[in-house]
Amino acid sequence: MHKVKTHKGAKKRFKISANGKLIFKKQGMRHIATGLSRKRKRQLKETGVITGTVAANMRRIMPYA
């Protein structure tokens, strides 16, 4: 059977943690962050976790990650 290709866009944006969870960097902190509140900037620094059906779909397009 052939190897399954990894989706290159997903590979660049998502990682699998040691516990097997899909993690990603939140959007909105690239530039023009002066208009954001301190609380919002602090929350955007943290990584997000993908769960549920979306996580299952992501694992299908990233088989070797």
N, C-alpha and C. Protein backbone atom coordinates (compact mmCIF):
# COMPACT_ATOMS: atom_id res chain seq x y z
N MET A 1 0.84 -1.18 0.00
CA MET A 1 0.00 0.00 0.00
C MET A 1 0.88 1.24 0.00
N HIS A 2 0.42 2.30 -0.65
CA HIS A 2 1.20 3.52 -0.76
C HIS A 2 1.19 4.32 0.54
N LYS A 3 2.20 5.16 0.67
CA LYS A 3 2.23 6.07 1.80
C LYS A 3 1.17 7.15 1.60
N VAL A 4 0.66 7.69 2.70
CA VAL A 4 -0.31 8.78 2.64
C VAL A 4 0.46 10.08 2.74
N LYS A 5 0.15 11.02 1.86
CA LYS A 5 0.86 12.30 1.89
C LYS A 5 0.37 13.17 3.04
N THR A 6 1.30 13.87 3.68
CA THR A 6 0.98 14.81 4.73
C THR A 6 0.60 16.14 4.10
N HIS A 7 -0.45 16.77 4.62
CA HIS A 7 -0.86 18.09 4.14
C HIS A 7 0.16 19.11 4.65
N LYS A 8 0.88 19.74 3.73
CA LYS A 8 2.01 20.60 4.11
C LYS A 8 1.56 21.84 4.88
N GLY A 9 0.39 22.38 4.55
CA GLY A 9 -0.13 23.55 5.28
C GLY A 9 -0.43 23.20 6.73
N ALA A 10 -1.00 22.02 6.94
CA ALA A 10 -1.32 21.58 8.30
C ALA A 10 -0.05 21.28 9.09
N LYS A 11 0.94 20.71 8.40
CA LYS A 11 2.21 20.37 9.05
C LYS A 11 2.88 21.62 9.61
N LYS A 12 2.75 22.75 8.88
CA LYS A 12 3.39 23.99 9.31
C LYS A 12 2.64 24.67 10.45
N ARG A 13 1.36 24.41 10.58
CA ARG A 13 0.54 25.15 11.53
C ARG A 13 0.20 24.41 12.81
N PHE A 14 0.27 23.08 12.80
CA PHE A 14 -0.16 22.30 13.95
C PHE A 14 0.93 21.32 14.38
N LYS A 15 0.92 21.01 15.68
CA LYS A 15 1.86 20.03 16.24
C LYS A 15 1.09 19.06 17.10
N ILE A 16 1.64 17.89 17.29
CA ILE A 16 1.03 16.93 18.20
C ILE A 16 1.85 16.91 19.48
N SER A 17 1.18 17.11 20.60
CA SER A 17 1.86 17.18 21.89
C SER A 17 2.27 15.78 22.33
N ALA A 18 2.97 15.70 23.44
CA ALA A 18 3.44 14.42 23.97
C ALA A 18 2.27 13.52 24.35
N ASN A 19 1.15 14.13 24.73
CA ASN A 19 -0.04 13.35 25.11
C ASN A 19 -0.95 13.04 23.92
N GLY A 20 -0.54 13.49 22.72
CA GLY A 20 -1.32 13.18 21.53
C GLY A 20 -2.35 14.22 21.16
N LYS A 21 -2.34 15.37 21.83
CA LYS A 21 -3.29 16.44 21.50
C LYS A 21 -2.74 17.30 20.38
N LEU A 22 -3.63 17.85 19.57
CA LEU A 22 -3.22 18.75 18.50
C LEU A 22 -3.20 20.17 19.04
N ILE A 23 -2.03 20.83 18.91
CA ILE A 23 -1.91 22.20 19.42
C ILE A 23 -1.59 23.15 18.28
N PHE A 24 -1.97 24.41 18.45
CA PHE A 24 -1.76 25.42 17.43
C PHE A 24 -1.53 26.78 18.08
N LYS A 25 -0.93 27.69 17.32
CA LYS A 25 -0.71 29.05 17.80
C LYS A 25 -1.93 29.88 17.41
N LYS A 26 -2.42 30.67 18.34
CA LYS A 26 -3.61 31.47 18.08
C LYS A 26 -3.30 32.65 17.16
N GLN A 27 -4.29 33.05 16.39
CA GLN A 27 -4.11 34.17 15.46
C GLN A 27 -4.32 35.50 16.17
N GLY A 28 -3.83 36.57 15.56
CA GLY A 28 -4.14 37.90 16.04
C GLY A 28 -3.01 38.62 16.75
N MET A 29 -1.80 38.04 16.76
CA MET A 29 -0.69 38.69 17.45
C MET A 29 0.47 39.04 16.52
N ARG A 30 0.23 39.11 15.22
CA ARG A 30 1.30 39.39 14.27
C ARG A 30 1.69 40.87 14.28
N HIS A 31 0.73 41.74 14.17
CA HIS A 31 1.01 43.18 14.15
C HIS A 31 -0.24 43.92 14.60
N ILE A 32 -0.10 45.21 14.83
CA ILE A 32 -1.17 46.10 15.33
C ILE A 32 -1.77 45.53 16.62
N ALA A 33 -0.92 45.15 17.54
CA ALA A 33 -1.39 44.61 18.81
C ALA A 33 -1.60 45.70 19.85
N THR A 34 -1.28 46.96 19.49
CA THR A 34 -1.42 48.05 20.46
C THR A 34 -2.88 48.33 20.77
N GLY A 35 -3.78 48.00 19.87
CA GLY A 35 -5.20 48.23 20.11
C GLY A 35 -5.84 47.18 20.97
N LEU A 36 -5.13 46.11 21.26
CA LEU A 36 -5.69 45.03 22.07
C LEU A 36 -5.46 45.30 23.55
N SER A 37 -6.36 44.77 24.37
CA SER A 37 -6.19 44.91 25.81
C SER A 37 -5.09 43.97 26.28
N ARG A 38 -4.56 44.23 27.45
CA ARG A 38 -3.51 43.37 28.01
C ARG A 38 -4.00 41.94 28.19
N LYS A 39 -5.25 41.83 28.65
CA LYS A 39 -5.83 40.50 28.86
C LYS A 39 -5.91 39.73 27.55
N ARG A 40 -6.34 40.39 26.48
CA ARG A 40 -6.46 39.73 25.18
C ARG A 40 -5.11 39.28 24.66
N LYS A 41 -4.10 40.14 24.78
CA LYS A 41 -2.75 39.78 24.32
C LYS A 41 -2.19 38.61 25.11
N ARG A 42 -2.46 38.60 26.40
CA ARG A 42 -1.99 37.51 27.26
C ARG A 42 -2.65 36.19 26.87
N GLN A 43 -3.95 36.24 26.55
CA GLN A 43 -4.66 35.03 26.16
C GLN A 43 -4.21 34.53 24.79
N LEU A 44 -3.84 35.43 23.89
CA LEU A 44 -3.41 35.03 22.56
C LEU A 44 -2.02 34.41 22.57
N LYS A 45 -1.23 34.66 23.61
CA LYS A 45 0.11 34.07 23.69
C LYS A 45 0.05 32.56 23.88
N GLU A 46 -1.00 32.09 24.56
CA GLU A 46 -1.12 30.66 24.86
C GLU A 46 -1.43 29.86 23.60
N THR A 47 -1.06 28.60 23.60
CA THR A 47 -1.39 27.74 22.47
C THR A 47 -2.80 27.19 22.67
N GLY A 48 -3.48 26.92 21.57
CA GLY A 48 -4.81 26.35 21.62
C GLY A 48 -4.76 24.86 21.39
N VAL A 49 -5.83 24.17 21.75
CA VAL A 49 -5.93 22.72 21.58
C VAL A 49 -7.13 22.43 20.70
N ILE A 50 -6.94 21.56 19.70
CA ILE A 50 -8.02 21.16 18.81
C ILE A 50 -8.62 19.87 19.34
N THR A 51 -9.95 19.82 19.46
CA THR A 51 -10.62 18.63 19.98
C THR A 51 -11.76 18.21 19.08
N GLY A 52 -12.30 17.06 19.35
CA GLY A 52 -13.52 16.59 18.68
C GLY A 52 -13.31 16.14 17.25
N THR A 53 -14.33 16.38 16.43
CA THR A 53 -14.33 15.94 15.05
C THR A 53 -13.23 16.62 14.25
N VAL A 54 -12.97 17.88 14.55
CA VAL A 54 -11.92 18.62 13.83
C VAL A 54 -10.57 17.95 14.06
N ALA A 55 -10.31 17.52 15.28
CA ALA A 55 -9.05 16.84 15.58
C ALA A 55 -8.92 15.53 14.81
N ALA A 56 -10.02 14.83 14.66
CA ALA A 56 -9.99 13.57 13.91
C ALA A 56 -9.66 13.84 12.44
N ASN A 57 -10.24 14.89 11.88
CA ASN A 57 -9.95 15.26 10.50
C ASN A 57 -8.50 15.68 10.33
N MET A 58 -7.96 16.41 11.30
CA MET A 58 -6.57 16.87 11.24
C MET A 58 -5.61 15.68 11.29
N ARG A 59 -5.93 14.67 12.10
CA ARG A 59 -5.06 13.49 12.20
C ARG A 59 -5.05 12.73 10.89
N ARG A 60 -6.15 12.78 10.14
CA ARG A 60 -6.23 12.09 8.86
C ARG A 60 -5.31 12.73 7.84
N ILE A 61 -5.17 14.07 7.88
CA ILE A 61 -4.32 14.74 6.89
C ILE A 61 -2.88 14.87 7.37
N MET A 62 -2.63 14.50 8.64
CA MET A 62 -1.25 14.50 9.17
C MET A 62 -0.94 13.11 9.73
N PRO A 63 -0.80 12.11 8.90
CA PRO A 63 -0.68 10.74 9.41
C PRO A 63 0.64 10.44 10.11
N TYR A 64 1.72 11.15 9.78
CA TYR A 64 3.03 10.82 10.35
C TYR A 64 3.54 11.86 11.32
N ALA A 65 2.70 12.78 11.75
CA ALA A 65 3.14 13.86 12.65
C ALA A 65 3.23 13.37 14.07
